Amino acid sequence: MREGLGPSLVPFYRQLLPPLRKVNRYRGEQLFNEDLHGESYDEMVESTLNKLEQSGGQYAFINIKYIIPTYESCTGAH
C-alpha cells in the first residue's frame, strides 16, 4: 500500500468494512473461488484486515475492532 494512504482510509472503515463482517458469520463454511488462486475467501479477508491494521496507524485496530468485533490484532494491539 502506498505510504500515507493507510491512515487516510481509517475514517472510511465504517463504509468499507461491513461487507467483510459477513465472513466471520460463516466461518464454518469455507468459500473457495478458483480466481483466488487456492486461497479461501476468509483468508483473503483476514489478510486485507491485517494490511489495513498495519498501514492504518494508531487508530486502525480500534476502528476495525469496532466494526468487526471478532477481529484479532496482527500487531499485538489491544
N, C-alpha and C. Protein backbone atom coordinates (compact mmCIF):
# COMPACT_ATOMS: atom_id res chain seq x y z
N MET A 1 0.85 -1.17 0.00
CA MET A 1 0.00 0.00 0.00
C MET A 1 0.89 1.24 0.00
N ARG A 2 0.48 2.24 -0.72
CA ARG A 2 1.24 3.48 -0.78
C ARG A 2 1.39 4.11 0.58
N GLU A 3 2.59 4.61 0.87
CA GLU A 3 2.85 5.24 2.15
C GLU A 3 1.94 6.45 2.34
N GLY A 4 1.35 6.55 3.52
CA GLY A 4 0.46 7.67 3.82
C GLY A 4 -1.00 7.40 3.47
N LEU A 5 -1.24 6.40 2.65
CA LEU A 5 -2.61 6.10 2.25
C LEU A 5 -3.39 5.41 3.37
N GLY A 6 -2.74 4.52 4.11
CA GLY A 6 -3.40 3.76 5.17
C GLY A 6 -4.15 4.62 6.17
N PRO A 7 -3.49 5.60 6.82
CA PRO A 7 -4.20 6.43 7.79
C PRO A 7 -5.35 7.24 7.19
N SER A 8 -5.24 7.58 5.92
CA SER A 8 -6.32 8.36 5.30
C SER A 8 -7.55 7.50 5.02
N LEU A 9 -7.41 6.17 5.05
CA LEU A 9 -8.55 5.28 4.85
C LEU A 9 -9.33 5.02 6.14
N VAL A 10 -8.69 5.20 7.30
CA VAL A 10 -9.33 4.88 8.58
C VAL A 10 -10.70 5.53 8.74
N PRO A 11 -10.89 6.80 8.40
CA PRO A 11 -12.22 7.40 8.56
C PRO A 11 -13.30 6.73 7.69
N PHE A 12 -12.89 5.97 6.70
CA PHE A 12 -13.84 5.32 5.80
C PHE A 12 -14.07 3.85 6.13
N TYR A 13 -13.45 3.35 7.19
CA TYR A 13 -13.63 1.95 7.58
C TYR A 13 -15.10 1.61 7.80
N ARG A 14 -15.88 2.55 8.31
CA ARG A 14 -17.31 2.27 8.58
C ARG A 14 -18.08 1.99 7.29
N GLN A 15 -17.60 2.48 6.17
CA GLN A 15 -18.24 2.19 4.90
C GLN A 15 -17.60 0.98 4.21
N LEU A 16 -16.30 0.81 4.39
CA LEU A 16 -15.56 -0.23 3.68
C LEU A 16 -15.65 -1.62 4.32
N LEU A 17 -15.71 -1.69 5.63
CA LEU A 17 -15.56 -2.97 6.31
C LEU A 17 -16.83 -3.80 6.53
N PRO A 18 -18.02 -3.23 6.65
CA PRO A 18 -19.19 -4.08 6.92
C PRO A 18 -19.38 -5.27 5.99
N PRO A 19 -19.13 -5.18 4.69
CA PRO A 19 -19.27 -6.39 3.86
C PRO A 19 -18.31 -7.51 4.27
N LEU A 20 -17.17 -7.15 4.84
CA LEU A 20 -16.21 -8.17 5.26
C LEU A 20 -16.65 -8.85 6.54
N ARG A 21 -17.51 -8.23 7.29
CA ARG A 21 -18.01 -8.77 8.56
C ARG A 21 -18.78 -10.07 8.32
N LYS A 22 -19.41 -10.21 7.18
CA LYS A 22 -20.21 -11.39 6.88
C LYS A 22 -19.37 -12.66 6.88
N VAL A 23 -18.12 -12.55 6.55
CA VAL A 23 -17.24 -13.72 6.51
C VAL A 23 -17.17 -14.38 7.87
N ASN A 24 -17.09 -13.60 8.93
CA ASN A 24 -16.97 -14.16 10.26
C ASN A 24 -18.23 -14.91 10.68
N ARG A 25 -19.36 -14.57 10.12
CA ARG A 25 -20.61 -15.27 10.45
C ARG A 25 -20.64 -16.67 9.86
N TYR A 26 -19.94 -16.86 8.75
CA TYR A 26 -19.98 -18.13 8.04
C TYR A 26 -18.64 -18.84 8.08
N ARG A 27 -17.90 -18.69 9.15
CA ARG A 27 -16.57 -19.27 9.25
C ARG A 27 -16.58 -20.79 9.03
N GLY A 28 -17.65 -21.46 9.43
CA GLY A 28 -17.72 -22.91 9.26
C GLY A 28 -17.77 -23.32 7.80
N GLU A 29 -18.33 -22.48 6.97
CA GLU A 29 -18.44 -22.76 5.55
C GLU A 29 -17.32 -22.03 4.81
N GLN A 30 -16.32 -22.76 4.41
CA GLN A 30 -15.21 -22.13 3.70
C GLN A 30 -15.63 -21.85 2.26
N LEU A 31 -15.48 -20.63 1.85
CA LEU A 31 -15.81 -20.25 0.49
C LEU A 31 -14.52 -20.24 -0.34
N PHE A 32 -14.53 -20.98 -1.43
CA PHE A 32 -13.36 -21.01 -2.31
C PHE A 32 -13.77 -20.54 -3.69
N ASN A 33 -12.83 -19.98 -4.38
CA ASN A 33 -13.07 -19.48 -5.72
C ASN A 33 -11.80 -19.75 -6.50
N GLU A 34 -11.93 -20.29 -7.70
CA GLU A 34 -10.73 -20.58 -8.47
C GLU A 34 -9.93 -19.33 -8.80
N ASP A 35 -10.59 -18.18 -8.85
CA ASP A 35 -9.87 -16.94 -9.13
C ASP A 35 -8.99 -16.50 -7.97
N LEU A 36 -9.17 -17.09 -6.80
CA LEU A 36 -8.41 -16.69 -5.62
C LEU A 36 -7.10 -17.45 -5.50
N HIS A 37 -6.76 -18.25 -6.51
CA HIS A 37 -5.50 -18.99 -6.54
C HIS A 37 -5.36 -19.91 -5.33
N GLY A 38 -6.43 -20.62 -4.99
CA GLY A 38 -6.38 -21.59 -3.91
C GLY A 38 -6.55 -21.01 -2.53
N GLU A 39 -6.62 -19.71 -2.40
CA GLU A 39 -6.78 -19.08 -1.10
C GLU A 39 -8.28 -18.91 -0.83
N SER A 40 -8.71 -19.25 0.38
CA SER A 40 -10.13 -19.12 0.71
C SER A 40 -10.48 -17.64 0.88
N TYR A 41 -11.76 -17.37 0.74
CA TYR A 41 -12.25 -16.00 0.86
C TYR A 41 -11.94 -15.44 2.24
N ASP A 42 -12.15 -16.24 3.29
CA ASP A 42 -11.90 -15.73 4.64
C ASP A 42 -10.42 -15.47 4.88
N GLU A 43 -9.53 -16.22 4.22
CA GLU A 43 -8.10 -15.94 4.33
C GLU A 43 -7.76 -14.61 3.66
N MET A 44 -8.41 -14.35 2.55
CA MET A 44 -8.18 -13.08 1.86
C MET A 44 -8.69 -11.91 2.69
N VAL A 45 -9.85 -12.08 3.34
CA VAL A 45 -10.40 -11.02 4.19
C VAL A 45 -9.46 -10.77 5.36
N GLU A 46 -8.99 -11.84 6.00
CA GLU A 46 -8.07 -11.70 7.13
C GLU A 46 -6.79 -10.98 6.71
N SER A 47 -6.26 -11.34 5.56
CA SER A 47 -5.06 -10.70 5.04
C SER A 47 -5.30 -9.21 4.77
N THR A 48 -6.45 -8.89 4.21
CA THR A 48 -6.80 -7.49 3.94
C THR A 48 -6.91 -6.69 5.23
N LEU A 49 -7.60 -7.26 6.23
CA LEU A 49 -7.73 -6.57 7.52
C LEU A 49 -6.37 -6.36 8.17
N ASN A 50 -5.50 -7.37 8.09
CA ASN A 50 -4.16 -7.23 8.65
C ASN A 50 -3.39 -6.10 7.98
N LYS A 51 -3.49 -6.02 6.66
CA LYS A 51 -2.79 -4.96 5.94
C LYS A 51 -3.35 -3.58 6.31
N LEU A 52 -4.67 -3.51 6.46
CA LEU A 52 -5.28 -2.23 6.86
C LEU A 52 -4.81 -1.83 8.26
N GLU A 53 -4.72 -2.81 9.17
CA GLU A 53 -4.26 -2.51 10.52
C GLU A 53 -2.79 -2.07 10.51
N GLN A 54 -1.96 -2.78 9.78
CA GLN A 54 -0.53 -2.47 9.75
C GLN A 54 -0.24 -1.11 9.13
N SER A 55 -1.02 -0.74 8.15
CA SER A 55 -0.74 0.52 7.45
C SER A 55 -1.58 1.69 7.94
N GLY A 56 -2.58 1.42 8.79
CA GLY A 56 -3.54 2.45 9.17
C GLY A 56 -3.17 3.34 10.33
N GLY A 57 -2.06 3.07 10.98
CA GLY A 57 -1.66 3.93 12.09
C GLY A 57 -2.28 3.51 13.41
N GLN A 58 -2.15 4.39 14.40
CA GLN A 58 -2.51 4.04 15.77
C GLN A 58 -4.00 3.80 16.00
N TYR A 59 -4.87 4.32 15.17
CA TYR A 59 -6.30 4.16 15.38
C TYR A 59 -6.93 3.09 14.49
N ALA A 60 -6.13 2.43 13.68
CA ALA A 60 -6.67 1.43 12.76
C ALA A 60 -7.30 0.26 13.50
N PHE A 61 -6.59 -0.32 14.46
CA PHE A 61 -7.11 -1.50 15.15
C PHE A 61 -8.44 -1.22 15.83
N ILE A 62 -8.52 -0.16 16.59
CA ILE A 62 -9.74 0.12 17.34
C ILE A 62 -10.93 0.33 16.40
N ASN A 63 -10.68 0.91 15.25
CA ASN A 63 -11.75 1.11 14.27
C ASN A 63 -12.16 -0.19 13.60
N ILE A 64 -11.20 -1.05 13.31
CA ILE A 64 -11.52 -2.36 12.74
C ILE A 64 -12.31 -3.18 13.76
N LYS A 65 -11.83 -3.18 15.00
CA LYS A 65 -12.47 -3.95 16.07
C LYS A 65 -13.90 -3.48 16.33
N TYR A 66 -14.15 -2.20 16.19
CA TYR A 66 -15.50 -1.65 16.38
C TYR A 66 -16.48 -2.23 15.36
N ILE A 67 -16.01 -2.39 14.13
CA ILE A 67 -16.88 -2.86 13.05
C ILE A 67 -16.90 -4.38 12.96
N ILE A 68 -15.76 -5.01 13.26
CA ILE A 68 -15.65 -6.47 13.22
C ILE A 68 -15.15 -6.92 14.59
N PRO A 69 -16.06 -7.10 15.55
CA PRO A 69 -15.67 -7.40 16.93
C PRO A 69 -14.83 -8.67 17.10
N THR A 70 -14.92 -9.60 16.17
CA THR A 70 -14.16 -10.84 16.28
C THR A 70 -12.73 -10.72 15.75
N TYR A 71 -12.40 -9.57 15.18
CA TYR A 71 -11.05 -9.38 14.63
C TYR A 71 -10.01 -9.39 15.74
N GLU A 72 -8.92 -10.10 15.51
CA GLU A 72 -7.80 -10.13 16.45
C GLU A 72 -6.61 -9.45 15.81
N SER A 73 -5.95 -8.61 16.57
CA SER A 73 -4.85 -7.81 16.06
C SER A 73 -3.70 -8.68 15.57
N CYS A 74 -3.09 -8.26 14.48
CA CYS A 74 -1.90 -8.93 13.98
C CYS A 74 -0.64 -8.24 14.49
N THR A 75 -0.83 -7.11 15.19
CA THR A 75 0.33 -6.36 15.69
C THR A 75 0.42 -6.39 17.21
N GLY A 76 -0.50 -7.10 17.85
CA GLY A 76 -0.50 -7.17 19.31
C GLY A 76 -1.22 -6.02 19.98
N ALA A 77 -1.95 -5.22 19.23
CA ALA A 77 -2.71 -4.11 19.81
C ALA A 77 -3.88 -4.65 20.62
N HIS A 78 -4.31 -3.86 21.59
CA HIS A 78 -5.45 -4.26 22.43
C HIS A 78 -6.57 -3.27 22.30
